[in-house]
Amino acid sequence: MDIGFSGRESHPRSRELLSSLPLAIDYEVLFSDVPCVWLRKDHPALHEAWNLDTFLRYPHISICWEQSDTWALDNVLQELGANARLL
């Protein structure tokens, strides 16, 4: 293979850390981003304190990336005895 592209989580608890790549793979990070929450402008959560309880009170959507349906956030929530309700 001459070139490949992959999306990876950057959270320290992620299973997809760059440090886990074999030394034979040369890589360059093209961009990075941070998790965010998108809400409609009249969403009821906007009238509440923004904290974990508020975040978990409402249903979520999730995406599957590289055949993984869980993210580092899911692992952290599980350790806290919590989980996001997925639609």
PDB file of N, CA and C in Angstrom:
ATOM      1  N   MET A   1       0.843  -1.157   0.000  1.00  0.00           N
ATOM      2  CA  MET A   1       0.000   0.000   0.000  1.00  0.00           C
ATOM      3  C   MET A   1       0.899   1.235   0.000  1.00  0.00           C
ATOM      4  N   ASP A   2       0.550   2.198  -0.827  1.00  0.00           N
ATOM      5  CA  ASP A   2       1.316   3.435  -0.894  1.00  0.00           C
ATOM      6  C   ASP A   2       0.804   4.494   0.068  1.00  0.00           C
ATOM      7  N   ILE A   3      -0.511   4.550   0.252  1.00  0.00           N
ATOM      8  CA  ILE A   3      -1.083   5.582   1.109  1.00  0.00           C
ATOM      9  C   ILE A   3      -2.401   5.080   1.685  1.00  0.00           C
ATOM     10  N   GLY A   4      -2.706   5.500   2.868  1.00  0.00           N
ATOM     11  CA  GLY A   4      -3.976   5.137   3.498  1.00  0.00           C
ATOM     12  C   GLY A   4      -4.422   6.259   4.411  1.00  0.00           C
ATOM     13  N   PHE A   5      -5.711   6.353   4.627  1.00  0.00           N
ATOM     14  CA  PHE A   5      -6.269   7.364   5.520  1.00  0.00           C
ATOM     15  C   PHE A   5      -7.116   6.676   6.573  1.00  0.00           C
ATOM     16  N   SER A   6      -7.091   7.205   7.764  1.00  0.00           N
ATOM     17  CA  SER A   6      -7.872   6.615   8.843  1.00  0.00           C
ATOM     18  C   SER A   6      -8.263   7.696   9.835  1.00  0.00           C
ATOM     19  N   GLY A   7      -9.451   7.576  10.389  1.00  0.00           N
ATOM     20  CA  GLY A   7      -9.874   8.442  11.484  1.00  0.00           C
ATOM     21  C   GLY A   7      -9.571   7.743  12.797  1.00  0.00           C
ATOM     22  N   ARG A   8      -9.075   8.484  13.759  1.00  0.00           N
ATOM     23  CA  ARG A   8      -8.709   7.884  15.042  1.00  0.00           C
ATOM     24  C   ARG A   8      -9.151   8.789  16.173  1.00  0.00           C
ATOM     25  N   GLU A   9      -9.561   8.179  17.277  1.00  0.00           N
ATOM     26  CA  GLU A   9      -9.865   8.947  18.482  1.00  0.00           C
ATOM     27  C   GLU A   9      -8.565   9.406  19.125  1.00  0.00           C
ATOM     28  N   SER A  10      -8.603  10.554  19.771  1.00  0.00           N
ATOM     29  CA  SER A  10      -7.398  11.047  20.438  1.00  0.00           C
ATOM     30  C   SER A  10      -7.505  10.998  21.960  1.00  0.00           C
ATOM     31  N   HIS A  11      -8.621  10.526  22.487  1.00  0.00           N
ATOM     32  CA  HIS A  11      -8.784  10.432  23.936  1.00  0.00           C
ATOM     33  C   HIS A  11      -7.768   9.433  24.492  1.00  0.00           C
ATOM     34  N   PRO A  12      -7.150   9.738  25.633  1.00  0.00           N
ATOM     35  CA  PRO A  12      -6.127   8.837  26.195  1.00  0.00           C
ATOM     36  C   PRO A  12      -6.610   7.406  26.446  1.00  0.00           C
ATOM     37  N   ARG A  13      -7.914   7.200  26.625  1.00  0.00           N
ATOM     38  CA  ARG A  13      -8.426   5.847  26.864  1.00  0.00           C
ATOM     39  C   ARG A  13      -8.838   5.130  25.583  1.00  0.00           C
ATOM     40  N   SER A  14      -8.676   5.775  24.467  1.00  0.00           N
ATOM     41  CA  SER A  14      -9.074   5.176  23.200  1.00  0.00           C
ATOM     42  C   SER A  14      -8.220   3.954  22.871  1.00  0.00           C
ATOM     43  N   ARG A  15      -8.840   2.993  22.214  1.00  0.00           N
ATOM     44  CA  ARG A  15      -8.094   1.825  21.724  1.00  0.00           C
ATOM     45  C   ARG A  15      -7.342   2.171  20.440  1.00  0.00           C
ATOM     46  N   GLU A  16      -7.574   3.353  19.914  1.00  0.00           N
ATOM     47  CA  GLU A  16      -7.040   3.739  18.609  1.00  0.00           C
ATOM     48  C   GLU A  16      -5.942   4.796  18.698  1.00  0.00           C
ATOM     49  N   LEU A  17      -5.162   4.805  19.757  1.00  0.00           N
ATOM     50  CA  LEU A  17      -4.116   5.814  19.908  1.00  0.00           C
ATOM     51  C   LEU A  17      -3.009   5.633  18.876  1.00  0.00           C
ATOM     52  N   LEU A  18      -2.434   6.735  18.452  1.00  0.00           N
ATOM     53  CA  LEU A  18      -1.339   6.667  17.492  1.00  0.00           C
ATOM     54  C   LEU A  18      -0.164   5.872  18.045  1.00  0.00           C
ATOM     55  N   SER A  19       0.037   5.927  19.333  1.00  0.00           N
ATOM     56  CA  SER A  19       1.157   5.193  19.936  1.00  0.00           C
ATOM     57  C   SER A  19       0.999   3.680  19.809  1.00  0.00           C
ATOM     58  N   SER A  20      -0.192   3.216  19.451  1.00  0.00           N
ATOM     59  CA  SER A  20      -0.398   1.775  19.289  1.00  0.00           C
ATOM     60  C   SER A  20      -0.075   1.296  17.873  1.00  0.00           C
ATOM     61  N   LEU A  21       0.244   2.218  16.980  1.00  0.00           N
ATOM     62  CA  LEU A  21       0.601   1.817  15.617  1.00  0.00           C
ATOM     63  C   LEU A  21       1.967   1.127  15.605  1.00  0.00           C
ATOM     64  N   PRO A  22       2.147   0.149  14.727  1.00  0.00           N
ATOM     65  CA  PRO A  22       3.465  -0.479  14.598  1.00  0.00           C
ATOM     66  C   PRO A  22       4.510   0.563  14.174  1.00  0.00           C
ATOM     67  N   LEU A  23       5.735   0.395  14.622  1.00  0.00           N
ATOM     68  CA  LEU A  23       6.796   1.348  14.295  1.00  0.00           C
ATOM     69  C   LEU A  23       7.038   1.460  12.794  1.00  0.00           C
ATOM     70  N   ALA A  24       6.710   0.425  12.036  1.00  0.00           N
ATOM     71  CA  ALA A  24       6.941   0.436  10.595  1.00  0.00           C
ATOM     72  C   ALA A  24       5.976   1.357   9.849  1.00  0.00           C
ATOM     73  N   ILE A  25       4.939   1.815  10.513  1.00  0.00           N
ATOM     74  CA  ILE A  25       3.967   2.696   9.860  1.00  0.00           C
ATOM     75  C   ILE A  25       4.354   4.145  10.119  1.00  0.00           C
ATOM     76  N   ASP A  26       4.638   4.849   9.040  1.00  0.00           N
ATOM     77  CA  ASP A  26       4.928   6.277   9.126  1.00  0.00           C
ATOM     78  C   ASP A  26       3.603   7.010   8.963  1.00  0.00           C
ATOM     79  N   TYR A  27       3.332   7.985   9.809  1.00  0.00           N
ATOM     80  CA  TYR A  27       2.037   8.658   9.758  1.00  0.00           C
ATOM     81  C   TYR A  27       2.194  10.151   9.960  1.00  0.00           C
ATOM     82  N   GLU A  28       1.175  10.871   9.570  1.00  0.00           N
ATOM     83  CA  GLU A  28       1.103  12.306   9.809  1.00  0.00           C
ATOM     84  C   GLU A  28      -0.338  12.642  10.163  1.00  0.00           C
ATOM     85  N   VAL A  29      -0.534  13.399  11.217  1.00  0.00           N
ATOM     86  CA  VAL A  29      -1.873  13.830  11.611  1.00  0.00           C
ATOM     87  C   VAL A  29      -2.261  15.000  10.717  1.00  0.00           C
ATOM     88  N   LEU A  30      -3.357  14.853   9.985  1.00  0.00           N
ATOM     89  CA  LEU A  30      -3.799  15.899   9.068  1.00  0.00           C
ATOM     90  C   LEU A  30      -4.655  16.946   9.755  1.00  0.00           C
ATOM     91  N   PHE A  31      -5.428  16.533  10.738  1.00  0.00           N
ATOM     92  CA  PHE A  31      -6.240  17.478  11.499  1.00  0.00           C
ATOM     93  C   PHE A  31      -6.702  16.798  12.771  1.00  0.00           C
ATOM     94  N   SER A  32      -7.181  17.574  13.702  1.00  0.00           N
ATOM     95  CA  SER A  32      -7.778  17.021  14.912  1.00  0.00           C
ATOM     96  C   SER A  32      -8.994  17.864  15.261  1.00  0.00           C
ATOM     97  N   ASP A  33      -9.869  17.285  16.035  1.00  0.00           N
ATOM     98  CA  ASP A  33     -11.053  18.014  16.468  1.00  0.00           C
ATOM     99  C   ASP A  33     -11.390  17.602  17.894  1.00  0.00           C
ATOM    100  N   VAL A  34     -12.407  18.199  18.427  1.00  0.00           N
ATOM    101  CA  VAL A  34     -12.848  17.876  19.782  1.00  0.00           C
ATOM    102  C   VAL A  34     -14.312  17.461  19.726  1.00  0.00           C
ATOM    103  N   PRO A  35     -14.730  16.603  20.648  1.00  0.00           N
ATOM    104  CA  PRO A  35     -16.143  16.217  20.668  1.00  0.00           C
ATOM    105  C   PRO A  35     -17.024  17.446  20.910  1.00  0.00           C
ATOM    106  N   CYS A  36     -18.193  17.419  20.333  1.00  0.00           N
ATOM    107  CA  CYS A  36     -19.136  18.514  20.556  1.00  0.00           C
ATOM    108  C   CYS A  36     -20.555  17.953  20.563  1.00  0.00           C
ATOM    109  N   VAL A  37     -21.442  18.735  21.077  1.00  0.00           N
ATOM    110  CA  VAL A  37     -22.855  18.374  21.128  1.00  0.00           C
ATOM    111  C   VAL A  37     -23.614  19.377  20.273  1.00  0.00           C
ATOM    112  N   TRP A  38     -24.456  18.876  19.387  1.00  0.00           N
ATOM    113  CA  TRP A  38     -25.276  19.733  18.535  1.00  0.00           C
ATOM    114  C   TRP A  38     -26.716  19.646  19.016  1.00  0.00           C
ATOM    115  N   LEU A  39     -27.311  20.795  19.267  1.00  0.00           N
ATOM    116  CA  LEU A  39     -28.699  20.871  19.721  1.00  0.00           C
ATOM    117  C   LEU A  39     -29.456  21.862  18.851  1.00  0.00           C
ATOM    118  N   ARG A  40     -30.732  21.604  18.671  1.00  0.00           N
ATOM    119  CA  ARG A  40     -31.549  22.609  17.980  1.00  0.00           C
ATOM    120  C   ARG A  40     -31.687  23.823  18.890  1.00  0.00           C
ATOM    121  N   LYS A  41     -31.964  24.972  18.315  1.00  0.00           N
ATOM    122  CA  LYS A  41     -31.941  26.214  19.098  1.00  0.00           C
ATOM    123  C   LYS A  41     -33.002  26.272  20.185  1.00  0.00           C
ATOM    124  N   ASP A  42     -34.060  25.464  20.093  1.00  0.00           N
ATOM    125  CA  ASP A  42     -35.088  25.468  21.139  1.00  0.00           C
ATOM    126  C   ASP A  42     -35.060  24.198  21.998  1.00  0.00           C
ATOM    127  N   HIS A  43     -33.936  23.501  22.019  1.00  0.00           N
ATOM    128  CA  HIS A  43     -33.836  22.261  22.795  1.00  0.00           C
ATOM    129  C   HIS A  43     -33.939  22.573  24.288  1.00  0.00           C
ATOM    130  N   PRO A  44     -34.697  21.771  25.052  1.00  0.00           N
ATOM    131  CA  PRO A  44     -34.863  22.036  26.487  1.00  0.00           C
ATOM    132  C   PRO A  44     -33.559  21.981  27.292  1.00  0.00           C
ATOM    133  N   ALA A  45     -32.577  21.249  26.830  1.00  0.00           N
ATOM    134  CA  ALA A  45     -31.304  21.167  27.564  1.00  0.00           C
ATOM    135  C   ALA A  45     -30.600  22.516  27.632  1.00  0.00           C
ATOM    136  N   LEU A  46     -30.924  23.409  26.726  1.00  0.00           N
ATOM    137  CA  LEU A  46     -30.286  24.725  26.733  1.00  0.00           C
ATOM    138  C   LEU A  46     -30.747  25.589  27.900  1.00  0.00           C
ATOM    139  N   HIS A  47     -31.797  25.161  28.575  1.00  0.00           N
ATOM    140  CA  HIS A  47     -32.313  25.900  29.726  1.00  0.00           C
ATOM    141  C   HIS A  47     -31.909  25.236  31.045  1.00  0.00           C
ATOM    142  N   GLU A  48     -30.993  24.284  30.980  1.00  0.00           N
ATOM    143  CA  GLU A  48     -30.533  23.562  32.165  1.00  0.00           C
ATOM    144  C   GLU A  48     -29.028  23.758  32.320  1.00  0.00           C
ATOM    145  N   ALA A  49     -28.534  23.486  33.513  1.00  0.00           N
ATOM    146  CA  ALA A  49     -27.079  23.504  33.706  1.00  0.00           C
ATOM    147  C   ALA A  49     -26.471  22.425  32.813  1.00  0.00           C
ATOM    148  N   TRP A  50     -25.378  22.742  32.141  1.00  0.00           N
ATOM    149  CA  TRP A  50     -24.758  21.756  31.260  1.00  0.00           C
ATOM    150  C   TRP A  50     -23.792  20.905  32.077  1.00  0.00           C
ATOM    151  N   ASN A  51     -24.204  19.683  32.336  1.00  0.00           N
ATOM    152  CA  ASN A  51     -23.393  18.749  33.109  1.00  0.00           C
ATOM    153  C   ASN A  51     -23.694  17.334  32.622  1.00  0.00           C
ATOM    154  N   LEU A  52     -23.087  16.358  33.257  1.00  0.00           N
ATOM    155  CA  LEU A  52     -23.253  14.975  32.825  1.00  0.00           C
ATOM    156  C   LEU A  52     -24.704  14.520  32.927  1.00  0.00           C
ATOM    157  N   ASP A  53     -25.382  14.897  33.988  1.00  0.00           N
ATOM    158  CA  ASP A  53     -26.789  14.504  34.141  1.00  0.00           C
ATOM    159  C   ASP A  53     -27.644  15.034  32.994  1.00  0.00           C
ATOM    160  N   THR A  54     -27.438  16.291  32.639  1.00  0.00           N
ATOM    161  CA  THR A  54     -28.191  16.869  31.523  1.00  0.00           C
ATOM    162  C   THR A  54     -27.836  16.155  30.228  1.00  0.00           C
ATOM    163  N   PHE A  55     -26.555  15.925  30.016  1.00  0.00           N
ATOM    164  CA  PHE A  55     -26.092  15.240  28.811  1.00  0.00           C
ATOM    165  C   PHE A  55     -26.753  13.873  28.660  1.00  0.00           C
ATOM    166  N   LEU A  56     -26.865  13.135  29.757  1.00  0.00           N
ATOM    167  CA  LEU A  56     -27.399  11.774  29.704  1.00  0.00           C
ATOM    168  C   LEU A  56     -28.924  11.715  29.737  1.00  0.00           C
ATOM    169  N   ARG A  57     -29.574  12.784  30.118  1.00  0.00           N
ATOM    170  CA  ARG A  57     -31.030  12.787  30.247  1.00  0.00           C
ATOM    171  C   ARG A  57     -31.735  12.665  28.888  1.00  0.00           C
ATOM    172  N   TYR A  58     -31.080  13.078  27.840  1.00  0.00           N
ATOM    173  CA  TYR A  58     -31.701  13.121  26.519  1.00  0.00           C
ATOM    174  C   TYR A  58     -31.130  12.030  25.617  1.00  0.00           C
ATOM    175  N   PRO A  59     -31.935  11.539  24.670  1.00  0.00           N
ATOM    176  CA  PRO A  59     -31.445  10.495  23.758  1.00  0.00           C
ATOM    177  C   PRO A  59     -30.365  11.042  22.820  1.00  0.00           C
ATOM    178  N   HIS A  60     -29.512  10.144  22.369  1.00  0.00           N
ATOM    179  CA  HIS A  60     -28.381  10.492  21.513  1.00  0.00           C
ATOM    180  C   HIS A  60     -28.427   9.691  20.219  1.00  0.00           C
ATOM    181  N   ILE A  61     -27.717  10.201  19.231  1.00  0.00           N
ATOM    182  CA  ILE A  61     -27.408   9.401  18.054  1.00  0.00           C
ATOM    183  C   ILE A  61     -25.914   9.102  18.124  1.00  0.00           C
ATOM    184  N   SER A  62     -25.496   8.069  17.468  1.00  0.00           N
ATOM    185  CA  SER A  62     -24.088   7.703  17.464  1.00  0.00           C
ATOM    186  C   SER A  62     -23.714   7.263  16.062  1.00  0.00           C
ATOM    187  N   ILE A  63     -22.435   7.246  15.781  1.00  0.00           N
ATOM    188  CA  ILE A  63     -21.976   6.792  14.484  1.00  0.00           C
ATOM    189  C   ILE A  63     -21.049   5.599  14.663  1.00  0.00           C
ATOM    190  N   CYS A  64     -20.932   4.826  13.627  1.00  0.00           N
ATOM    191  CA  CYS A  64     -20.025   3.683  13.606  1.00  0.00           C
ATOM    192  C   CYS A  64     -18.849   4.059  12.708  1.00  0.00           C
ATOM    193  N   TRP A  65     -17.644   3.876  13.215  1.00  0.00           N
ATOM    194  CA  TRP A  65     -16.451   4.236  12.451  1.00  0.00           C
ATOM    195  C   TRP A  65     -15.493   3.064  12.473  1.00  0.00           C
ATOM    196  N   GLU A  66     -15.040   2.661  11.317  1.00  0.00           N
ATOM    197  CA  GLU A  66     -14.097   1.550  11.185  1.00  0.00           C
ATOM    198  C   GLU A  66     -14.577   0.313  11.934  1.00  0.00           C
ATOM    199  N   GLN A  67     -15.846   0.002  11.769  1.00  0.00           N
ATOM    200  CA  GLN A  67     -16.485  -1.184  12.329  1.00  0.00           C
ATOM    201  C   GLN A  67     -16.514  -1.185  13.854  1.00  0.00           C
ATOM    202  N   SER A  68     -16.372  -0.032  14.473  1.00  0.00           N
ATOM    203  CA  SER A  68     -16.455   0.066  15.929  1.00  0.00           C
ATOM    204  C   SER A  68     -17.686   0.873  16.290  1.00  0.00           C
ATOM    205  N   ASP A  69     -18.534   0.309  17.126  1.00  0.00           N
ATOM    206  CA  ASP A  69     -19.738   1.049  17.514  1.00  0.00           C
ATOM    207  C   ASP A  69     -19.618   1.635  18.916  1.00  0.00           C
ATOM    208  N   THR A  70     -18.434   1.561  19.508  1.00  0.00           N
ATOM    209  CA  THR A  70     -18.208   2.195  20.807  1.00  0.00           C
ATOM    210  C   THR A  70     -17.018   3.145  20.702  1.00  0.00           C
ATOM    211  N   TRP A  71     -17.027   4.140  21.571  1.00  0.00           N
ATOM    212  CA  TRP A  71     -15.979   5.152  21.610  1.00  0.00           C
ATOM    213  C   TRP A  71     -15.417   5.212  23.019  1.00  0.00           C
ATOM    214  N   ALA A  72     -14.342   5.950  23.206  1.00  0.00           N
ATOM    215  CA  ALA A  72     -13.757   6.113  24.539  1.00  0.00           C
ATOM    216  C   ALA A  72     -14.792   6.680  25.506  1.00  0.00           C
ATOM    217  N   LEU A  73     -15.650   7.578  25.026  1.00  0.00           N
ATOM    218  CA  LEU A  73     -16.697   8.135  25.887  1.00  0.00           C
ATOM    219  C   LEU A  73     -17.582   7.029  26.449  1.00  0.00           C
ATOM    220  N   ASP A  74     -17.916   6.047  25.642  1.00  0.00           N
ATOM    221  CA  ASP A  74     -18.741   4.931  26.112  1.00  0.00           C
ATOM    222  C   ASP A  74     -18.045   4.185  27.250  1.00  0.00           C
ATOM    223  N   ASN A  75     -16.746   3.997  27.137  1.00  0.00           N
ATOM    224  CA  ASN A  75     -15.988   3.304  28.184  1.00  0.00           C
ATOM    225  C   ASN A  75     -15.949   4.115  29.471  1.00  0.00           C
ATOM    226  N   VAL A  76     -15.748   5.421  29.355  1.00  0.00           N
ATOM    227  CA  VAL A  76     -15.722   6.287  30.538  1.00  0.00           C
ATOM    228  C   VAL A  76     -17.083   6.276  31.219  1.00  0.00           C
ATOM    229  N   LEU A  77     -18.156   6.397  30.441  1.00  0.00           N
ATOM    230  CA  LEU A  77     -19.505   6.374  31.019  1.00  0.00           C
ATOM    231  C   LEU A  77     -19.781   5.046  31.711  1.00  0.00           C
ATOM    232  N   GLN A  78     -19.359   3.951  31.095  1.00  0.00           N
ATOM    233  CA  GLN A  78     -19.570   2.630  31.691  1.00  0.00           C
ATOM    234  C   GLN A  78     -18.877   2.535  33.048  1.00  0.00           C
ATOM    235  N   GLU A  79     -17.669   3.071  33.151  1.00  0.00           N
ATOM    236  CA  GLU A  79     -16.953   3.060  34.431  1.00  0.00           C
ATOM    237  C   GLU A  79     -17.690   3.867  35.492  1.00  0.00           C
ATOM    238  N   LEU A  80     -18.433   4.884  35.056  1.00  0.00           N
ATOM    239  CA  LEU A  80     -19.219   5.704  35.982  1.00  0.00           C
ATOM    240  C   LEU A  80     -20.581   5.082  36.286  1.00  0.00           C
ATOM    241  N   GLY A  81     -20.866   3.946  35.650  1.00  0.00           N
ATOM    242  CA  GLY A  81     -22.165   3.300  35.829  1.00  0.00           C
ATOM    243  C   GLY A  81     -23.269   4.000  35.067  1.00  0.00           C
ATOM    244  N   ALA A  82     -22.909   4.696  34.008  1.00  0.00           N
ATOM    245  CA  ALA A  82     -23.881   5.446  33.210  1.00  0.00           C
ATOM    246  C   ALA A  82     -23.756   5.038  31.749  1.00  0.00           C
ATOM    247  N   ASN A  83     -24.726   5.420  30.967  1.00  0.00           N
ATOM    248  CA  ASN A  83     -24.640   5.235  29.523  1.00  0.00           C
ATOM    249  C   ASN A  83     -25.578   6.217  28.837  1.00  0.00           C
ATOM    250  N   ALA A  84     -25.262   6.500  27.600  1.00  0.00           N
ATOM    251  CA  ALA A  84     -26.101   7.390  26.804  1.00  0.00           C
ATOM    252  C   ALA A  84     -27.197   6.558  26.149  1.00  0.00           C
ATOM    253  N   ARG A  85     -28.421   7.077  26.180  1.00  0.00           N
ATOM    254  CA  ARG A  85     -29.535   6.400  25.500  1.00  0.00           C
ATOM    255  C   ARG A  85     -29.429   6.690  24.011  1.00  0.00           C
ATOM    256  N   LEU A  86     -29.196   5.660  23.225  1.00  0.00           N
ATOM    257  CA  LEU A  86     -29.060   5.840  21.783  1.00  0.00           C
ATOM    258  C   LEU A  86     -30.387   5.619  21.085  1.00  0.00           C
ATOM    259  N   LEU A  87     -30.640   6.445  20.087  1.00  0.00           N
ATOM    260  CA  LEU A  87     -31.855   6.284  19.277  1.00  0.00           C
ATOM    261  C   LEU A  87     -31.653   5.205  18.255  1.00  0.00           C
TER     262      LEU A  87
END
